[in-house]
Amino acid sequence: MPDDRKNRTTVDIYGQQYTIVGAESTGHIRLVASMVDDSMREISMKNPSLDTSKLAVLTAVNAIHDYLKLKDQIDQLKLELQKEKD
């Protein structure tokens, strides 16, 4: 039976507190929140006129963009490994 325990962690992202509930460790949740906070602050420094909602959307767009690039790289590596096996 899988471990269904959830961790409840309070984090600070861009000056707002959020309680995040998840199966991941508290350390992992804090790391993710810190990375989101860092990304929002970096975008805000380059675009100081953005309101928080637009800043959050740009942060999400950048995160998904990075995710898709990494996913493509992984898929390419898998193809290369498969070619070596054949």
C-alpha atoms as a PDB file:
ATOM      1  CA  MET A   1       0.000   0.000   0.000  1.00  0.00           C
ATOM      2  CA  PRO A   2       1.501   3.363  -0.989  1.00  0.00           C
ATOM      3  CA  ASP A   3       2.324   5.964   1.617  1.00  0.00           C
ATOM      4  CA  ASP A   4      -0.459   8.550   1.248  1.00  0.00           C
ATOM      5  CA  ARG A   5       0.761  10.894   3.977  1.00  0.00           C
ATOM      6  CA  LYS A   6       0.775  14.533   2.973  1.00  0.00           C
ATOM      7  CA  ASN A   7       3.166  17.182   4.193  1.00  0.00           C
ATOM      8  CA  ARG A   8       1.814  20.646   4.917  1.00  0.00           C
ATOM      9  CA  THR A   9       4.447  23.332   4.434  1.00  0.00           C
ATOM     10  CA  THR A  10       4.112  27.092   4.667  1.00  0.00           C
ATOM     11  CA  VAL A  11       6.342  28.971   2.232  1.00  0.00           C
ATOM     12  CA  ASP A  12       6.905  32.570   1.208  1.00  0.00           C
ATOM     13  CA  ILE A  13       6.743  33.402  -2.488  1.00  0.00           C
ATOM     14  CA  TYR A  14       7.150  36.998  -3.581  1.00  0.00           C
ATOM     15  CA  GLY A  15       6.066  38.355  -0.204  1.00  0.00           C
ATOM     16  CA  GLN A  16       2.976  36.143   0.132  1.00  0.00           C
ATOM     17  CA  GLN A  17       2.629  33.122   2.365  1.00  0.00           C
ATOM     18  CA  TYR A  18       1.222  29.915   0.902  1.00  0.00           C
ATOM     19  CA  THR A  19       0.498  26.583   2.528  1.00  0.00           C
ATOM     20  CA  ILE A  20       1.405  23.787   0.152  1.00  0.00           C
ATOM     21  CA  VAL A  21       0.193  20.251   0.754  1.00  0.00           C
ATOM     22  CA  GLY A  22       1.890  17.371  -1.005  1.00  0.00           C
ATOM     23  CA  ALA A  23       3.546  13.996  -0.707  1.00  0.00           C
ATOM     24  CA  GLU A  24       7.005  15.467  -1.325  1.00  0.00           C
ATOM     25  CA  SER A  25       9.344  16.270   1.534  1.00  0.00           C
ATOM     26  CA  THR A  26       9.189  19.637   3.231  1.00  0.00           C
ATOM     27  CA  GLY A  27      12.687  20.345   1.922  1.00  0.00           C
ATOM     28  CA  HIS A  28      11.594  19.673  -1.653  1.00  0.00           C
ATOM     29  CA  ILE A  29       8.530  21.901  -1.302  1.00  0.00           C
ATOM     30  CA  ARG A  30      10.683  24.690   0.141  1.00  0.00           C
ATOM     31  CA  LEU A  31      13.205  24.321  -2.697  1.00  0.00           C
ATOM     32  CA  VAL A  32      10.483  24.585  -5.342  1.00  0.00           C
ATOM     33  CA  ALA A  33       8.969  27.624  -3.620  1.00  0.00           C
ATOM     34  CA  SER A  34      12.391  29.263  -3.372  1.00  0.00           C
ATOM     35  CA  MET A  35      13.013  28.702  -7.075  1.00  0.00           C
ATOM     36  CA  VAL A  36       9.622  30.209  -7.966  1.00  0.00           C
ATOM     37  CA  ASP A  37      10.344  33.186  -5.702  1.00  0.00           C
ATOM     38  CA  ASP A  38      13.778  33.676  -7.297  1.00  0.00           C
ATOM     39  CA  SER A  39      12.295  33.497 -10.790  1.00  0.00           C
ATOM     40  CA  MET A  40       9.560  36.012  -9.968  1.00  0.00           C
ATOM     41  CA  ARG A  41      12.087  38.410  -8.468  1.00  0.00           C
ATOM     42  CA  GLU A  42      14.374  38.097 -11.498  1.00  0.00           C
ATOM     43  CA  ILE A  43      11.522  38.814 -13.918  1.00  0.00           C
ATOM     44  CA  SER A  44      10.307  41.680 -11.719  1.00  0.00           C
ATOM     45  CA  MET A  45      13.743  43.315 -11.782  1.00  0.00           C
ATOM     46  CA  LYS A  46      13.675  43.276 -15.601  1.00  0.00           C
ATOM     47  CA  ASN A  47      10.014  44.372 -15.783  1.00  0.00           C
ATOM     48  CA  PRO A  48       9.291  46.491 -12.684  1.00  0.00           C
ATOM     49  CA  SER A  49       5.926  47.711 -13.966  1.00  0.00           C
ATOM     50  CA  LEU A  50       4.346  44.229 -14.002  1.00  0.00           C
ATOM     51  CA  ASP A  51       1.620  43.543 -11.475  1.00  0.00           C
ATOM     52  CA  THR A  52       1.789  40.338  -9.448  1.00  0.00           C
ATOM     53  CA  SER A  53      -0.700  38.452 -11.629  1.00  0.00           C
ATOM     54  CA  LYS A  54       1.192  39.149 -14.843  1.00  0.00           C
ATOM     55  CA  LEU A  55       4.455  38.382 -13.085  1.00  0.00           C
ATOM     56  CA  ALA A  56       3.083  35.019 -11.932  1.00  0.00           C
ATOM     57  CA  VAL A  57       1.875  34.168 -15.451  1.00  0.00           C
ATOM     58  CA  LEU A  58       5.252  35.046 -16.986  1.00  0.00           C
ATOM     59  CA  THR A  59       6.969  32.931 -14.347  1.00  0.00           C
ATOM     60  CA  ALA A  60       4.697  29.996 -15.190  1.00  0.00           C
ATOM     61  CA  VAL A  61       5.272  30.453 -18.930  1.00  0.00           C
ATOM     62  CA  ASN A  62       9.045  30.477 -18.396  1.00  0.00           C
ATOM     63  CA  ALA A  63       8.859  27.368 -16.188  1.00  0.00           C
ATOM     64  CA  ILE A  64       6.852  25.416 -18.764  1.00  0.00           C
ATOM     65  CA  HIS A  65       9.173  26.596 -21.531  1.00  0.00           C
ATOM     66  CA  ASP A  66      12.174  25.289 -19.576  1.00  0.00           C
ATOM     67  CA  TYR A  67      10.325  22.035 -18.842  1.00  0.00           C
ATOM     68  CA  LEU A  68       9.535  21.464 -22.528  1.00  0.00           C
ATOM     69  CA  LYS A  69      13.137  22.144 -23.559  1.00  0.00           C
ATOM     70  CA  LEU A  70      14.389  19.617 -21.012  1.00  0.00           C
ATOM     71  CA  LYS A  71      11.739  17.091 -22.037  1.00  0.00           C
ATOM     72  CA  ASP A  72      12.837  17.424 -25.671  1.00  0.00           C
ATOM     73  CA  GLN A  73      16.463  16.888 -24.637  1.00  0.00           C
ATOM     74  CA  ILE A  74      15.520  13.764 -22.670  1.00  0.00           C
ATOM     75  CA  ASP A  75      13.483  12.425 -25.586  1.00  0.00           C
ATOM     76  CA  GLN A  76      16.437  13.018 -27.916  1.00  0.00           C
ATOM     77  CA  LEU A  77      18.809  11.228 -25.543  1.00  0.00           C
ATOM     78  CA  LYS A  78      16.395   8.293 -25.321  1.00  0.00           C
ATOM     79  CA  LEU A  79      16.340   8.053 -29.124  1.00  0.00           C
ATOM     80  CA  GLU A  80      20.124   8.113 -29.256  1.00  0.00           C
ATOM     81  CA  LEU A  81      20.345   5.379 -26.599  1.00  0.00           C
ATOM     82  CA  GLN A  82      17.809   3.265 -28.463  1.00  0.00           C
ATOM     83  CA  LYS A  83      19.823   3.638 -31.702  1.00  0.00           C
ATOM     84  CA  GLU A  84      22.951   2.434 -29.880  1.00  0.00           C
ATOM     85  CA  LYS A  85      21.093  -0.640 -28.595  1.00  0.00           C
ATOM     86  CA  ASP A  86      19.822  -1.550 -32.090  1.00  0.00           C
END
